[in-house]
Amino acid sequence: MMISIPAKLAEIIRKAAVIACPGITDPVSVTPEKNKDWEYVCPSAMKFFNMHKKKGSFGYPTCKEMADAILANIEPNNGVIQKIELAQAG
């Protein structure tokens, strides 16, 4: 059985996002990084922060703090993610 790597990554990140941002219902998007093998991009924290800015962005003062909280809630040893790097917005 084949699995979709972006879909599996989105599932893992979504679980972490729900813990970091209780009540969030927005989908997580994961796409392969252009011209790189086995690297993926997930701009969802920036999207979540901006979409929920008027409601307080789940209590996070910055997009980076929200991304850090999501990252902190990603299940370790999930069998899929080897390394995560947060990129600067923009």
C-alpha atoms as a PDB file:
ATOM      1  CA  MET A   1       0.000   0.000   0.000  1.00  0.00           C
ATOM      2  CA  MET A   2       1.360   3.393  -0.958  1.00  0.00           C
ATOM      3  CA  ILE A   3       0.860   6.451   1.194  1.00  0.00           C
ATOM      4  CA  SER A   4       1.013  10.075   0.178  1.00  0.00           C
ATOM      5  CA  ILE A   5       3.937  11.674   1.998  1.00  0.00           C
ATOM      6  CA  PRO A   6       2.416  15.195   1.890  1.00  0.00           C
ATOM      7  CA  ALA A   7      -0.886  13.808   3.234  1.00  0.00           C
ATOM      8  CA  LYS A   8       0.861  11.927   6.058  1.00  0.00           C
ATOM      9  CA  LEU A   9       2.914  15.021   6.967  1.00  0.00           C
ATOM     10  CA  ALA A  10      -0.250  17.142   6.935  1.00  0.00           C
ATOM     11  CA  GLU A  11      -1.928  14.643   9.280  1.00  0.00           C
ATOM     12  CA  ILE A  12       0.979  14.802  11.754  1.00  0.00           C
ATOM     13  CA  ILE A  13       1.147  18.606  11.619  1.00  0.00           C
ATOM     14  CA  ARG A  14      -2.638  18.902  11.904  1.00  0.00           C
ATOM     15  CA  LYS A  15      -2.633  16.901  15.153  1.00  0.00           C
ATOM     16  CA  ALA A  16       0.035  19.244  16.552  1.00  0.00           C
ATOM     17  CA  ALA A  17      -1.874  22.327  15.350  1.00  0.00           C
ATOM     18  CA  VAL A  18      -5.066  21.194  17.114  1.00  0.00           C
ATOM     19  CA  ILE A  19      -3.119  20.856  20.376  1.00  0.00           C
ATOM     20  CA  ALA A  20      -1.387  24.225  19.944  1.00  0.00           C
ATOM     21  CA  CYS A  21      -4.518  26.007  18.682  1.00  0.00           C
ATOM     22  CA  PRO A  22      -7.575  24.360  20.268  1.00  0.00           C
ATOM     23  CA  GLY A  23     -10.633  24.645  18.080  1.00  0.00           C
ATOM     24  CA  ILE A  24      -8.773  25.185  14.813  1.00  0.00           C
ATOM     25  CA  THR A  25     -10.569  23.629  11.859  1.00  0.00           C
ATOM     26  CA  ASP A  26      -8.525  24.961   8.950  1.00  0.00           C
ATOM     27  CA  PRO A  27      -6.765  22.424   6.714  1.00  0.00           C
ATOM     28  CA  VAL A  28      -2.986  21.971   6.765  1.00  0.00           C
ATOM     29  CA  SER A  29      -1.181  22.229   3.446  1.00  0.00           C
ATOM     30  CA  VAL A  30       2.111  20.464   2.715  1.00  0.00           C
ATOM     31  CA  THR A  31       3.852  20.675  -0.655  1.00  0.00           C
ATOM     32  CA  PRO A  32       7.149  19.307  -1.973  1.00  0.00           C
ATOM     33  CA  GLU A  33       9.968  21.855  -2.038  1.00  0.00           C
ATOM     34  CA  LYS A  34      10.899  22.722  -5.621  1.00  0.00           C
ATOM     35  CA  ASN A  35      14.126  21.188  -6.917  1.00  0.00           C
ATOM     36  CA  LYS A  36      14.869  19.297  -3.684  1.00  0.00           C
ATOM     37  CA  ASP A  37      14.520  15.640  -2.808  1.00  0.00           C
ATOM     38  CA  TRP A  38      12.509  14.708   0.255  1.00  0.00           C
ATOM     39  CA  GLU A  39      11.935  18.252   1.503  1.00  0.00           C
ATOM     40  CA  TYR A  40       8.475  19.650   2.060  1.00  0.00           C
ATOM     41  CA  VAL A  41       7.026  23.055   2.911  1.00  0.00           C
ATOM     42  CA  CYS A  42       4.115  23.726   5.253  1.00  0.00           C
ATOM     43  CA  PRO A  43       3.102  27.406   5.344  1.00  0.00           C
ATOM     44  CA  SER A  44       0.036  26.648   7.453  1.00  0.00           C
ATOM     45  CA  ALA A  45       1.172  28.433  10.651  1.00  0.00           C
ATOM     46  CA  MET A  46       1.476  31.708   8.750  1.00  0.00           C
ATOM     47  CA  LYS A  47      -1.908  31.095   7.132  1.00  0.00           C
ATOM     48  CA  PHE A  48      -3.549  30.215  10.477  1.00  0.00           C
ATOM     49  CA  PHE A  49      -2.047  33.256  12.193  1.00  0.00           C
ATOM     50  CA  ASN A  50      -3.219  35.662   9.496  1.00  0.00           C
ATOM     51  CA  MET A  51      -6.682  34.095   9.095  1.00  0.00           C
ATOM     52  CA  HIS A  52      -7.380  34.297  12.832  1.00  0.00           C
ATOM     53  CA  LYS A  53      -5.675  37.636  13.524  1.00  0.00           C
ATOM     54  CA  LYS A  54      -8.950  39.467  14.223  1.00  0.00           C
ATOM     55  CA  LYS A  55      -9.859  36.814  16.825  1.00  0.00           C
ATOM     56  CA  GLY A  56      -6.446  36.960  18.516  1.00  0.00           C
ATOM     57  CA  SER A  57      -4.579  34.218  16.608  1.00  0.00           C
ATOM     58  CA  PHE A  58      -5.225  31.683  19.379  1.00  0.00           C
ATOM     59  CA  GLY A  59      -3.328  33.882  21.837  1.00  0.00           C
ATOM     60  CA  TYR A  60      -0.035  33.946  19.931  1.00  0.00           C
ATOM     61  CA  PRO A  61       1.471  37.429  19.505  1.00  0.00           C
ATOM     62  CA  THR A  62       3.507  36.421  16.439  1.00  0.00           C
ATOM     63  CA  CYS A  63       3.366  33.895  13.648  1.00  0.00           C
ATOM     64  CA  LYS A  64       6.727  32.495  14.782  1.00  0.00           C
ATOM     65  CA  GLU A  65       5.396  31.819  18.271  1.00  0.00           C
ATOM     66  CA  MET A  66       2.433  29.976  16.790  1.00  0.00           C
ATOM     67  CA  ALA A  67       4.753  27.950  14.534  1.00  0.00           C
ATOM     68  CA  ASP A  68       7.000  27.163  17.529  1.00  0.00           C
ATOM     69  CA  ALA A  69       3.970  25.936  19.504  1.00  0.00           C
ATOM     70  CA  ILE A  70       2.844  23.701  16.645  1.00  0.00           C
ATOM     71  CA  LEU A  71       6.384  22.374  16.276  1.00  0.00           C
ATOM     72  CA  ALA A  72       6.583  21.655  20.015  1.00  0.00           C
ATOM     73  CA  ASN A  73       3.463  19.485  19.726  1.00  0.00           C
ATOM     74  CA  ILE A  74       4.607  17.320  16.815  1.00  0.00           C
ATOM     75  CA  GLU A  75       4.805  13.751  18.001  1.00  0.00           C
ATOM     76  CA  PRO A  76       8.463  12.717  18.291  1.00  0.00           C
ATOM     77  CA  ASN A  77       9.533   9.490  16.613  1.00  0.00           C
ATOM     78  CA  ASN A  78       6.542   9.622  14.270  1.00  0.00           C
ATOM     79  CA  GLY A  79       8.348   7.512  11.669  1.00  0.00           C
ATOM     80  CA  VAL A  80       7.994  10.135   8.958  1.00  0.00           C
ATOM     81  CA  ILE A  81       9.720  13.377   9.923  1.00  0.00           C
ATOM     82  CA  GLN A  82      13.479  13.307  10.260  1.00  0.00           C
ATOM     83  CA  LYS A  83      14.176  17.040  10.637  1.00  0.00           C
ATOM     84  CA  ILE A  84      12.129  20.238  10.891  1.00  0.00           C
ATOM     85  CA  GLU A  85      13.392  23.729  10.193  1.00  0.00           C
ATOM     86  CA  LEU A  86      11.369  26.891  10.654  1.00  0.00           C
ATOM     87  CA  ALA A  87      11.920  29.383   7.865  1.00  0.00           C
ATOM     88  CA  GLN A  88      11.592  33.135   8.159  1.00  0.00           C
ATOM     89  CA  ALA A  89       8.286  34.404   6.814  1.00  0.00           C
ATOM     90  CA  GLY A  90       8.561  35.961   3.370  1.00  0.00           C
END
